[in-house]
mmCIF file of all heavy atoms, coordinates in Angstrom:
data_MODEL
# 
_entry.id   MODEL 
# 
loop_
_atom_site.group_PDB 
_atom_site.id 
_atom_site.type_symbol 
_atom_site.label_atom_id 
_atom_site.label_alt_id 
_atom_site.label_comp_id 
_atom_site.label_asym_id 
_atom_site.label_entity_id 
_atom_site.label_seq_id 
_atom_site.pdbx_PDB_ins_code 
_atom_site.Cartn_x 
_atom_site.Cartn_y 
_atom_site.Cartn_z 
_atom_site.occupancy 
_atom_site.B_iso_or_equiv 
_atom_site.pdbx_formal_charge 
_atom_site.auth_seq_id 
_atom_site.auth_comp_id 
_atom_site.auth_asym_id 
_atom_site.auth_atom_id 
_atom_site.pdbx_PDB_model_num 
ATOM 1   N N   . GLU A 1 1  ? -7.511  -7.250 -0.772  1.00 0.00 ? 1  GLU A N   1 
ATOM 2   C CA  . GLU A 1 1  ? -6.073  -7.356 -0.548  1.00 0.00 ? 1  GLU A CA  1 
ATOM 3   C C   . GLU A 1 1  ? -5.476  -5.996 -0.200  1.00 0.00 ? 1  GLU A C   1 
ATOM 4   O O   . GLU A 1 1  ? -4.682  -5.876 0.736   1.00 0.00 ? 1  GLU A O   1 
ATOM 5   C CB  . GLU A 1 1  ? -5.374  -7.939 -1.779  1.00 0.00 ? 1  GLU A CB  1 
ATOM 6   C CG  . GLU A 1 1  ? -3.886  -8.101 -1.583  1.00 0.00 ? 1  GLU A CG  1 
ATOM 7   C CD  . GLU A 1 1  ? -3.178  -8.688 -2.797  1.00 0.00 ? 1  GLU A CD  1 
ATOM 8   O OE1 . GLU A 1 1  ? -3.792  -8.768 -3.881  1.00 0.00 ? 1  GLU A OE1 1 
ATOM 9   O OE2 . GLU A 1 1  ? -2.014  -9.040 -2.653  1.00 0.00 ? 1  GLU A OE2 1 
ATOM 10  N N   . VAL A 1 2  ? -5.870  -4.977 -0.928  1.00 0.00 ? 2  VAL A N   1 
ATOM 11  C CA  . VAL A 1 2  ? -5.315  -3.645 -0.700  1.00 0.00 ? 2  VAL A CA  1 
ATOM 12  C C   . VAL A 1 2  ? -5.961  -2.973 0.508   1.00 0.00 ? 2  VAL A C   1 
ATOM 13  O O   . VAL A 1 2  ? -5.269  -2.503 1.414   1.00 0.00 ? 2  VAL A O   1 
ATOM 14  C CB  . VAL A 1 2  ? -5.463  -2.763 -1.959  1.00 0.00 ? 2  VAL A CB  1 
ATOM 15  C CG1 . VAL A 1 2  ? -5.099  -1.318 -1.667  1.00 0.00 ? 2  VAL A CG1 1 
ATOM 16  C CG2 . VAL A 1 2  ? -4.603  -3.316 -3.089  1.00 0.00 ? 2  VAL A CG2 1 
ATOM 17  N N   . LEU A 1 3  ? -7.288  -2.912 0.549   1.00 0.00 ? 3  LEU A N   1 
ATOM 18  C CA  . LEU A 1 3  ? -7.963  -2.153 1.600   1.00 0.00 ? 3  LEU A CA  1 
ATOM 19  C C   . LEU A 1 3  ? -7.954  -2.856 2.954   1.00 0.00 ? 3  LEU A C   1 
ATOM 20  O O   . LEU A 1 3  ? -7.786  -2.206 3.985   1.00 0.00 ? 3  LEU A O   1 
ATOM 21  C CB  . LEU A 1 3  ? -9.398  -1.822 1.179   1.00 0.00 ? 3  LEU A CB  1 
ATOM 22  C CG  . LEU A 1 3  ? -9.502  -0.895 -0.032  1.00 0.00 ? 3  LEU A CG  1 
ATOM 23  C CD1 . LEU A 1 3  ? -10.951 -0.720 -0.448  1.00 0.00 ? 3  LEU A CD1 1 
ATOM 24  C CD2 . LEU A 1 3  ? -8.853  0.443  0.252   1.00 0.00 ? 3  LEU A CD2 1 
ATOM 25  N N   . ASP A 1 4  ? -8.136  -4.164 2.971   1.00 0.00 ? 4  ASP A N   1 
ATOM 26  C CA  . ASP A 1 4  ? -8.083  -4.887 4.245   1.00 0.00 ? 4  ASP A CA  1 
ATOM 27  C C   . ASP A 1 4  ? -6.654  -5.119 4.700   1.00 0.00 ? 4  ASP A C   1 
ATOM 28  O O   . ASP A 1 4  ? -6.407  -5.348 5.878   1.00 0.00 ? 4  ASP A O   1 
ATOM 29  C CB  . ASP A 1 4  ? -8.814  -6.234 4.148   1.00 0.00 ? 4  ASP A CB  1 
ATOM 30  C CG  . ASP A 1 4  ? -10.329 -6.081 4.049   1.00 0.00 ? 4  ASP A CG  1 
ATOM 31  O OD1 . ASP A 1 4  ? -10.848 -5.011 4.428   1.00 0.00 ? 4  ASP A OD1 1 
ATOM 32  O OD2 . ASP A 1 4  ? -10.987 -7.026 3.593   1.00 0.00 ? 4  ASP A OD2 1 
ATOM 33  N N   . GLY A 1 5  ? -5.720  -5.050 3.771   1.00 0.00 ? 5  GLY A N   1 
ATOM 34  C CA  . GLY A 1 5  ? -4.313  -5.268 4.101   1.00 0.00 ? 5  GLY A CA  1 
ATOM 35  C C   . GLY A 1 5  ? -3.576  -4.004 4.487   1.00 0.00 ? 5  GLY A C   1 
ATOM 36  O O   . GLY A 1 5  ? -2.381  -4.045 4.767   1.00 0.00 ? 5  GLY A O   1 
ATOM 37  N N   . THR A 1 6  ? -4.269  -2.860 4.482   1.00 0.00 ? 6  THR A N   1 
ATOM 38  C CA  . THR A 1 6  ? -3.649  -1.587 4.825   1.00 0.00 ? 6  THR A CA  1 
ATOM 39  C C   . THR A 1 6  ? -4.345  -1.001 6.041   1.00 0.00 ? 6  THR A C   1 
ATOM 40  O O   . THR A 1 6  ? -5.558  -0.785 6.026   1.00 0.00 ? 6  THR A O   1 
ATOM 41  C CB  . THR A 1 6  ? -3.736  -0.590 3.658   1.00 0.00 ? 6  THR A CB  1 
ATOM 42  O OG1 . THR A 1 6  ? -3.199  -1.188 2.481   1.00 0.00 ? 6  THR A OG1 1 
ATOM 43  C CG2 . THR A 1 6  ? -2.988  0.696  3.970   1.00 0.00 ? 6  THR A CG2 1 
ATOM 44  N N   . THR A 1 7  ? -3.591  -0.756 7.100   1.00 0.00 ? 7  THR A N   1 
ATOM 45  C CA  . THR A 1 7  ? -4.167  -0.190 8.322   1.00 0.00 ? 7  THR A CA  1 
ATOM 46  C C   . THR A 1 7  ? -4.056  1.330  8.309   1.00 0.00 ? 7  THR A C   1 
ATOM 47  O O   . THR A 1 7  ? -3.282  1.907  7.525   1.00 0.00 ? 7  THR A O   1 
ATOM 48  C CB  . THR A 1 7  ? -3.447  -0.720 9.572   1.00 0.00 ? 7  THR A CB  1 
ATOM 49  O OG1 . THR A 1 7  ? -2.094  -0.240 9.564   1.00 0.00 ? 7  THR A OG1 1 
ATOM 50  C CG2 . THR A 1 7  ? -3.495  -2.238 9.649   1.00 0.00 ? 7  THR A CG2 1 
ATOM 51  N N   . LEU A 1 8  ? -4.796  1.959  9.191   1.00 0.00 ? 8  LEU A N   1 
ATOM 52  C CA  . LEU A 1 8  ? -4.687  3.411  9.349   1.00 0.00 ? 8  LEU A CA  1 
ATOM 53  C C   . LEU A 1 8  ? -3.257  3.800  9.695   1.00 0.00 ? 8  LEU A C   1 
ATOM 54  O O   . LEU A 1 8  ? -2.729  4.777  9.167   1.00 0.00 ? 8  LEU A O   1 
ATOM 55  C CB  . LEU A 1 8  ? -5.631  3.905  10.448  1.00 0.00 ? 8  LEU A CB  1 
ATOM 56  C CG  . LEU A 1 8  ? -7.114  3.873  10.152  1.00 0.00 ? 8  LEU A CG  1 
ATOM 57  C CD1 . LEU A 1 8  ? -7.899  4.281  11.398  1.00 0.00 ? 8  LEU A CD1 1 
ATOM 58  C CD2 . LEU A 1 8  ? -7.454  4.788  8.982   1.00 0.00 ? 8  LEU A CD2 1 
ATOM 59  N N   . ASP A 1 9  ? -2.637  3.031  10.577  1.00 0.00 ? 9  ASP A N   1 
ATOM 60  C CA  . ASP A 1 9  ? -1.266  3.317  10.985  1.00 0.00 ? 9  ASP A CA  1 
ATOM 61  C C   . ASP A 1 9  ? -0.322  3.297  9.783   1.00 0.00 ? 9  ASP A C   1 
ATOM 62  O O   . ASP A 1 9  ? 0.527   4.182  9.634   1.00 0.00 ? 9  ASP A O   1 
ATOM 63  C CB  . ASP A 1 9  ? -0.822  2.297  12.043  1.00 0.00 ? 9  ASP A CB  1 
ATOM 64  C CG  . ASP A 1 9  ? 0.531   2.619  12.612  1.00 0.00 ? 9  ASP A CG  1 
ATOM 65  O OD1 . ASP A 1 9  ? 0.733   3.764  13.071  1.00 0.00 ? 9  ASP A OD1 1 
ATOM 66  O OD2 . ASP A 1 9  ? 1.403   1.728  12.593  1.00 0.00 ? 9  ASP A OD2 1 
ATOM 67  N N   . GLN A 1 10 ? -0.476  2.294  8.923   1.00 0.00 ? 10 GLN A N   1 
ATOM 68  C CA  . GLN A 1 10 ? 0.383   2.208  7.733   1.00 0.00 ? 10 GLN A CA  1 
ATOM 69  C C   . GLN A 1 10 ? 0.136   3.375  6.786   1.00 0.00 ? 10 GLN A C   1 
ATOM 70  O O   . GLN A 1 10 ? 1.082   3.941  6.221   1.00 0.00 ? 10 GLN A O   1 
ATOM 71  C CB  . GLN A 1 10 ? 0.148   0.884  7.011   1.00 0.00 ? 10 GLN A CB  1 
ATOM 72  C CG  . GLN A 1 10 ? 0.647   -0.320 7.786   1.00 0.00 ? 10 GLN A CG  1 
ATOM 73  C CD  . GLN A 1 10 ? 0.159   -1.623 7.188   1.00 0.00 ? 10 GLN A CD  1 
ATOM 74  O OE1 . GLN A 1 10 ? -0.993  -1.734 6.761   1.00 0.00 ? 10 GLN A OE1 1 
ATOM 75  N NE2 . GLN A 1 10 ? 1.039   -2.608 7.147   1.00 0.00 ? 10 GLN A NE2 1 
ATOM 76  N N   . ALA A 1 11 ? -1.123  3.740  6.596   1.00 0.00 ? 11 ALA A N   1 
ATOM 77  C CA  . ALA A 1 11 ? -1.445  4.862  5.710   1.00 0.00 ? 11 ALA A CA  1 
ATOM 78  C C   . ALA A 1 11 ? -0.940  6.178  6.291   1.00 0.00 ? 11 ALA A C   1 
ATOM 79  O O   . ALA A 1 11 ? -0.502  7.063  5.553   1.00 0.00 ? 11 ALA A O   1 
ATOM 80  C CB  . ALA A 1 11 ? -2.951  4.926  5.470   1.00 0.00 ? 11 ALA A CB  1 
ATOM 81  N N   . LEU A 1 12 ? -0.974  6.296  7.606   1.00 0.00 ? 12 LEU A N   1 
ATOM 82  C CA  . LEU A 1 12 ? -0.516  7.515  8.267   1.00 0.00 ? 12 LEU A CA  1 
ATOM 83  C C   . LEU A 1 12 ? 0.997   7.668  8.164   1.00 0.00 ? 12 LEU A C   1 
ATOM 84  O O   . LEU A 1 12 ? 1.506   8.744  7.861   1.00 0.00 ? 12 LEU A O   1 
ATOM 85  C CB  . LEU A 1 12 ? -0.955  7.516  9.737   1.00 0.00 ? 12 LEU A CB  1 
ATOM 86  C CG  . LEU A 1 12 ? -0.600  8.739  10.562  1.00 0.00 ? 12 LEU A CG  1 
ATOM 87  C CD1 . LEU A 1 12 ? -1.302  9.980  10.018  1.00 0.00 ? 12 LEU A CD1 1 
ATOM 88  C CD2 . LEU A 1 12 ? -0.984  8.513  12.018  1.00 0.00 ? 12 LEU A CD2 1 
ATOM 89  N N   . THR A 1 13 ? 1.717   6.588  8.387   1.00 0.00 ? 13 THR A N   1 
ATOM 90  C CA  . THR A 1 13 ? 3.182   6.660  8.407   1.00 0.00 ? 13 THR A CA  1 
ATOM 91  C C   . THR A 1 13 ? 3.819   6.486  7.034   1.00 0.00 ? 13 THR A C   1 
ATOM 92  O O   . THR A 1 13 ? 4.989   6.807  6.852   1.00 0.00 ? 13 THR A O   1 
ATOM 93  C CB  . THR A 1 13 ? 3.764   5.581  9.349   1.00 0.00 ? 13 THR A CB  1 
ATOM 94  O OG1 . THR A 1 13 ? 3.446   4.287  8.822   1.00 0.00 ? 13 THR A OG1 1 
ATOM 95  C CG2 . THR A 1 13 ? 3.236   5.736  10.761  1.00 0.00 ? 13 THR A CG2 1 
ATOM 96  N N   . GLY A 1 14 ? 3.057   5.935  6.090   1.00 0.00 ? 14 GLY A N   1 
ATOM 97  C CA  . GLY A 1 14 ? 3.621   5.675  4.770   1.00 0.00 ? 14 GLY A CA  1 
ATOM 98  C C   . GLY A 1 14 ? 4.330   4.335  4.685   1.00 0.00 ? 14 GLY A C   1 
ATOM 99  O O   . GLY A 1 14 ? 4.885   3.992  3.642   1.00 0.00 ? 14 GLY A O   1 
ATOM 100 N N   . ALA A 1 15 ? 4.324   3.566  5.769   1.00 0.00 ? 15 ALA A N   1 
ATOM 101 C CA  . ALA A 1 15 ? 4.931   2.230  5.778   1.00 0.00 ? 15 ALA A CA  1 
ATOM 102 C C   . ALA A 1 15 ? 3.905   1.240  5.225   1.00 0.00 ? 15 ALA A C   1 
ATOM 103 O O   . ALA A 1 15 ? 3.411   0.361  5.923   1.00 0.00 ? 15 ALA A O   1 
ATOM 104 C CB  . ALA A 1 15 ? 5.349   1.846  7.197   1.00 0.00 ? 15 ALA A CB  1 
ATOM 105 N N   . LEU A 1 16 ? 3.600   1.417  3.962   1.00 0.00 ? 16 LEU A N   1 
ATOM 106 C CA  . LEU A 1 16 ? 2.537   0.644  3.319   1.00 0.00 ? 16 LEU A CA  1 
ATOM 107 C C   . LEU A 1 16 ? 2.974   -0.796 3.057   1.00 0.00 ? 16 LEU A C   1 
ATOM 108 O O   . LEU A 1 16 ? 4.164   -1.065 2.843   1.00 0.00 ? 16 LEU A O   1 
ATOM 109 C CB  . LEU A 1 16 ? 2.132   1.330  2.019   1.00 0.00 ? 16 LEU A CB  1 
ATOM 110 C CG  . LEU A 1 16 ? 1.592   2.756  2.196   1.00 0.00 ? 16 LEU A CG  1 
ATOM 111 C CD1 . LEU A 1 16 ? 1.487   3.462  0.858   1.00 0.00 ? 16 LEU A CD1 1 
ATOM 112 C CD2 . LEU A 1 16 ? 0.250   2.740  2.914   1.00 0.00 ? 16 LEU A CD2 1 
ATOM 113 N N   . PRO A 1 17 ? 2.012   -1.716 3.047   1.00 0.00 ? 17 PRO A N   1 
ATOM 114 C CA  . PRO A 1 17 ? 2.360   -3.119 2.810   1.00 0.00 ? 17 PRO A CA  1 
ATOM 115 C C   . PRO A 1 17 ? 2.869   -3.342 1.385   1.00 0.00 ? 17 PRO A C   1 
ATOM 116 O O   . PRO A 1 17 ? 2.550   -2.586 0.462   1.00 0.00 ? 17 PRO A O   1 
ATOM 117 C CB  . PRO A 1 17 ? 1.051   -3.864 3.052   1.00 0.00 ? 17 PRO A CB  1 
ATOM 118 C CG  . PRO A 1 17 ? -0.027  -2.860 3.054   1.00 0.00 ? 17 PRO A CG  1 
ATOM 119 C CD  . PRO A 1 17 ? 0.590   -1.523 3.302   1.00 0.00 ? 17 PRO A CD  1 
ATOM 120 N N   . PRO A 1 18 ? 3.649   -4.405 1.205   1.00 0.00 ? 18 PRO A N   1 
ATOM 121 C CA  . PRO A 1 18 ? 4.218   -4.693 -0.125  1.00 0.00 ? 18 PRO A CA  1 
ATOM 122 C C   . PRO A 1 18 ? 3.162   -4.834 -1.218  1.00 0.00 ? 18 PRO A C   1 
ATOM 123 O O   . PRO A 1 18 ? 3.422   -4.463 -2.362  1.00 0.00 ? 18 PRO A O   1 
ATOM 124 C CB  . PRO A 1 18 ? 4.965   -6.012 0.077   1.00 0.00 ? 18 PRO A CB  1 
ATOM 125 C CG  . PRO A 1 18 ? 5.189   -6.130 1.535   1.00 0.00 ? 18 PRO A CG  1 
ATOM 126 C CD  . PRO A 1 18 ? 4.100   -5.358 2.209   1.00 0.00 ? 18 PRO A CD  1 
ATOM 127 N N   . GLU A 1 19 ? 1.981   -5.340 -0.882  1.00 0.00 ? 19 GLU A N   1 
ATOM 128 C CA  . GLU A 1 19 ? 0.915   -5.484 -1.882  1.00 0.00 ? 19 GLU A CA  1 
ATOM 129 C C   . GLU A 1 19 ? 0.523   -4.127 -2.461  1.00 0.00 ? 19 GLU A C   1 
ATOM 130 O O   . GLU A 1 19 ? 0.144   -4.022 -3.622  1.00 0.00 ? 19 GLU A O   1 
ATOM 131 C CB  . GLU A 1 19 ? -0.328  -6.148 -1.280  1.00 0.00 ? 19 GLU A CB  1 
ATOM 132 C CG  . GLU A 1 19 ? -0.121  -7.551 -0.793  1.00 0.00 ? 19 GLU A CG  1 
ATOM 133 C CD  . GLU A 1 19 ? 0.546   -7.626 0.584   1.00 0.00 ? 19 GLU A CD  1 
ATOM 134 O OE1 . GLU A 1 19 ? 0.592   -6.611 1.305   1.00 0.00 ? 19 GLU A OE1 1 
ATOM 135 O OE2 . GLU A 1 19 ? 1.033   -8.709 0.923   1.00 0.00 ? 19 GLU A OE2 1 
ATOM 136 N N   . VAL A 1 20 ? 0.619   -3.100 -1.644  1.00 0.00 ? 20 VAL A N   1 
ATOM 137 C CA  . VAL A 1 20 ? 0.270   -1.749 -2.092  1.00 0.00 ? 20 VAL A CA  1 
ATOM 138 C C   . VAL A 1 20 ? 1.444   -1.116 -2.832  1.00 0.00 ? 20 VAL A C   1 
ATOM 139 O O   . VAL A 1 20 ? 1.289   -0.601 -3.941  1.00 0.00 ? 20 VAL A O   1 
ATOM 140 C CB  . VAL A 1 20 ? -0.157  -0.870 -0.893  1.00 0.00 ? 20 VAL A CB  1 
ATOM 141 C CG1 . VAL A 1 20 ? -0.376  0.573  -1.316  1.00 0.00 ? 20 VAL A CG1 1 
ATOM 142 C CG2 . VAL A 1 20 ? -1.412  -1.442 -0.243  1.00 0.00 ? 20 VAL A CG2 1 
ATOM 143 N N   . THR A 1 21 ? 2.620   -1.174 -2.233  1.00 0.00 ? 21 THR A N   1 
ATOM 144 C CA  . THR A 1 21 ? 3.766   -0.502 -2.847  1.00 0.00 ? 21 THR A CA  1 
ATOM 145 C C   . THR A 1 21 ? 4.162   -1.136 -4.175  1.00 0.00 ? 21 THR A C   1 
ATOM 146 O O   . THR A 1 21 ? 4.542   -0.424 -5.104  1.00 0.00 ? 21 THR A O   1 
ATOM 147 C CB  . THR A 1 21 ? 4.976   -0.472 -1.891  1.00 0.00 ? 21 THR A CB  1 
ATOM 148 O OG1 . THR A 1 21 ? 5.294   -1.798 -1.481  1.00 0.00 ? 21 THR A OG1 1 
ATOM 149 C CG2 . THR A 1 21 ? 4.679   0.379  -0.668  1.00 0.00 ? 21 THR A CG2 1 
ATOM 150 N N   . SER A 1 22 ? 4.039   -2.458 -4.279  1.00 0.00 ? 22 SER A N   1 
ATOM 151 C CA  . SER A 1 22 ? 4.411   -3.095 -5.547  1.00 0.00 ? 22 SER A CA  1 
ATOM 152 C C   . SER A 1 22 ? 3.425   -2.726 -6.652  1.00 0.00 ? 22 SER A C   1 
ATOM 153 O O   . SER A 1 22 ? 3.827   -2.498 -7.790  1.00 0.00 ? 22 SER A O   1 
ATOM 154 C CB  . SER A 1 22 ? 4.506   -4.611 -5.386  1.00 0.00 ? 22 SER A CB  1 
ATOM 155 O OG  . SER A 1 22 ? 3.251   -5.166 -5.090  1.00 0.00 ? 22 SER A OG  1 
ATOM 156 N N   . ARG A 1 23 ? 2.147   -2.663 -6.321  1.00 0.00 ? 23 ARG A N   1 
ATOM 157 C CA  . ARG A 1 23 ? 1.168   -2.254 -7.338  1.00 0.00 ? 23 ARG A CA  1 
ATOM 158 C C   . ARG A 1 23 ? 1.366   -0.798 -7.740  1.00 0.00 ? 23 ARG A C   1 
ATOM 159 O O   . ARG A 1 23 ? 1.287   -0.453 -8.909  1.00 0.00 ? 23 ARG A O   1 
ATOM 160 C CB  . ARG A 1 23 ? -0.259  -2.458 -6.822  1.00 0.00 ? 23 ARG A CB  1 
ATOM 161 C CG  . ARG A 1 23 ? -0.674  -3.897 -6.717  1.00 0.00 ? 23 ARG A CG  1 
ATOM 162 C CD  . ARG A 1 23 ? -2.065  -4.010 -6.091  1.00 0.00 ? 23 ARG A CD  1 
ATOM 163 N NE  . ARG A 1 23 ? -2.377  -5.354 -5.703  1.00 0.00 ? 23 ARG A NE  1 
ATOM 164 C CZ  . ARG A 1 23 ? -3.005  -6.233 -6.478  1.00 0.00 ? 23 ARG A CZ  1 
ATOM 165 N NH1 . ARG A 1 23 ? -3.371  -5.889 -7.682  1.00 0.00 ? 23 ARG A NH1 1 
ATOM 166 N NH2 . ARG A 1 23 ? -3.249  -7.449 -6.041  1.00 0.00 ? 23 ARG A NH2 1 
ATOM 167 N N   . ALA A 1 24 ? 1.619   0.054  -6.769  1.00 0.00 ? 24 ALA A N   1 
ATOM 168 C CA  . ALA A 1 24 ? 1.808   1.485  -7.053  1.00 0.00 ? 24 ALA A CA  1 
ATOM 169 C C   . ALA A 1 24 ? 3.129   1.759  -7.759  1.00 0.00 ? 24 ALA A C   1 
ATOM 170 O O   . ALA A 1 24 ? 3.274   2.788  -8.415  1.00 0.00 ? 24 ALA A O   1 
ATOM 171 C CB  . ALA A 1 24 ? 1.715   2.284  -5.759  1.00 0.00 ? 24 ALA A CB  1 
ATOM 172 N N   . ALA A 1 25 ? 4.108   0.853  -7.645  1.00 0.00 ? 25 ALA A N   1 
ATOM 173 C CA  . ALA A 1 25 ? 5.401   1.034  -8.299  1.00 0.00 ? 25 ALA A CA  1 
ATOM 174 C C   . ALA A 1 25 ? 5.322   0.823  -9.807  1.00 0.00 ? 25 ALA A C   1 
ATOM 175 O O   . ALA A 1 25 ? 6.204   1.267  -10.546 1.00 0.00 ? 25 ALA A O   1 
ATOM 176 C CB  . ALA A 1 25 ? 6.434   0.077  -7.696  1.00 0.00 ? 25 ALA A CB  1 
ATOM 177 N N   . ASP A 1 26 ? 4.277   0.178  -10.262 1.00 0.00 ? 26 ASP A N   1 
ATOM 178 C CA  . ASP A 1 26 ? 4.100   -0.055 -11.693 1.00 0.00 ? 26 ASP A CA  1 
ATOM 179 C C   . ASP A 1 26 ? 3.704   1.267  -12.357 1.00 0.00 ? 26 ASP A C   1 
ATOM 180 O O   . ASP A 1 26 ? 2.655   1.828  -12.038 1.00 0.00 ? 26 ASP A O   1 
ATOM 181 C CB  . ASP A 1 26 ? 3.010   -1.105 -11.917 1.00 0.00 ? 26 ASP A CB  1 
ATOM 182 C CG  . ASP A 1 26 ? 2.752   -1.408 -13.380 1.00 0.00 ? 26 ASP A CG  1 
ATOM 183 O OD1 . ASP A 1 26 ? 3.331   -0.737 -14.270 1.00 0.00 ? 26 ASP A OD1 1 
ATOM 184 O OD2 . ASP A 1 26 ? 1.943   -2.313 -13.646 1.00 0.00 ? 26 ASP A OD2 1 
ATOM 185 N N   . PRO A 1 27 ? 4.518   1.802  -13.266 1.00 0.00 ? 27 PRO A N   1 
ATOM 186 C CA  . PRO A 1 27 ? 4.191   3.077  -13.907 1.00 0.00 ? 27 PRO A CA  1 
ATOM 187 C C   . PRO A 1 27 ? 2.818   3.076  -14.584 1.00 0.00 ? 27 PRO A C   1 
ATOM 188 O O   . PRO A 1 27 ? 2.154   4.107  -14.645 1.00 0.00 ? 27 PRO A O   1 
ATOM 189 C CB  . PRO A 1 27 ? 5.310   3.260  -14.934 1.00 0.00 ? 27 PRO A CB  1 
ATOM 190 C CG  . PRO A 1 27 ? 6.425   2.404  -14.460 1.00 0.00 ? 27 PRO A CG  1 
ATOM 191 C CD  . PRO A 1 27 ? 5.793   1.252  -13.746 1.00 0.00 ? 27 PRO A CD  1 
ATOM 192 N N   . LEU A 1 28 ? 2.389   1.929  -15.071 1.00 0.00 ? 28 LEU A N   1 
ATOM 193 C CA  . LEU A 1 28 ? 1.078   1.867  -15.724 1.00 0.00 ? 28 LEU A CA  1 
ATOM 194 C C   . LEU A 1 28 ? -0.069  2.099  -14.739 1.00 0.00 ? 28 LEU A C   1 
ATOM 195 O O   . LEU A 1 28 ? -1.155  2.505  -15.141 1.00 0.00 ? 28 LEU A O   1 
ATOM 196 C CB  . LEU A 1 28 ? 0.907   0.504  -16.425 1.00 0.00 ? 28 LEU A CB  1 
ATOM 197 C CG  . LEU A 1 28 ? 1.863   0.234  -17.583 1.00 0.00 ? 28 LEU A CG  1 
ATOM 198 C CD1 . LEU A 1 28 ? 1.622   -1.168 -18.141 1.00 0.00 ? 28 LEU A CD1 1 
ATOM 199 C CD2 . LEU A 1 28 ? 1.703   1.285  -18.667 1.00 0.00 ? 28 LEU A CD2 1 
ATOM 200 N N   . ALA A 1 29 ? 0.182   1.848  -13.467 1.00 0.00 ? 29 ALA A N   1 
ATOM 201 C CA  . ALA A 1 29 ? -0.864  2.051  -12.464 1.00 0.00 ? 29 ALA A CA  1 
ATOM 202 C C   . ALA A 1 29 ? -1.240  3.529  -12.346 1.00 0.00 ? 29 ALA A C   1 
ATOM 203 O O   . ALA A 1 29 ? -2.354  3.857  -11.932 1.00 0.00 ? 29 ALA A O   1 
ATOM 204 C CB  . ALA A 1 29 ? -0.398  1.531  -11.102 1.00 0.00 ? 29 ALA A CB  1 
# 
């Protein structure tokens, strides 16, 4: 979900998919 759902373009620009940003938004992460 995270690795296949994130493209180089998204990682380069920081426009990450919601699956990534929502997981990273959790302080426990």
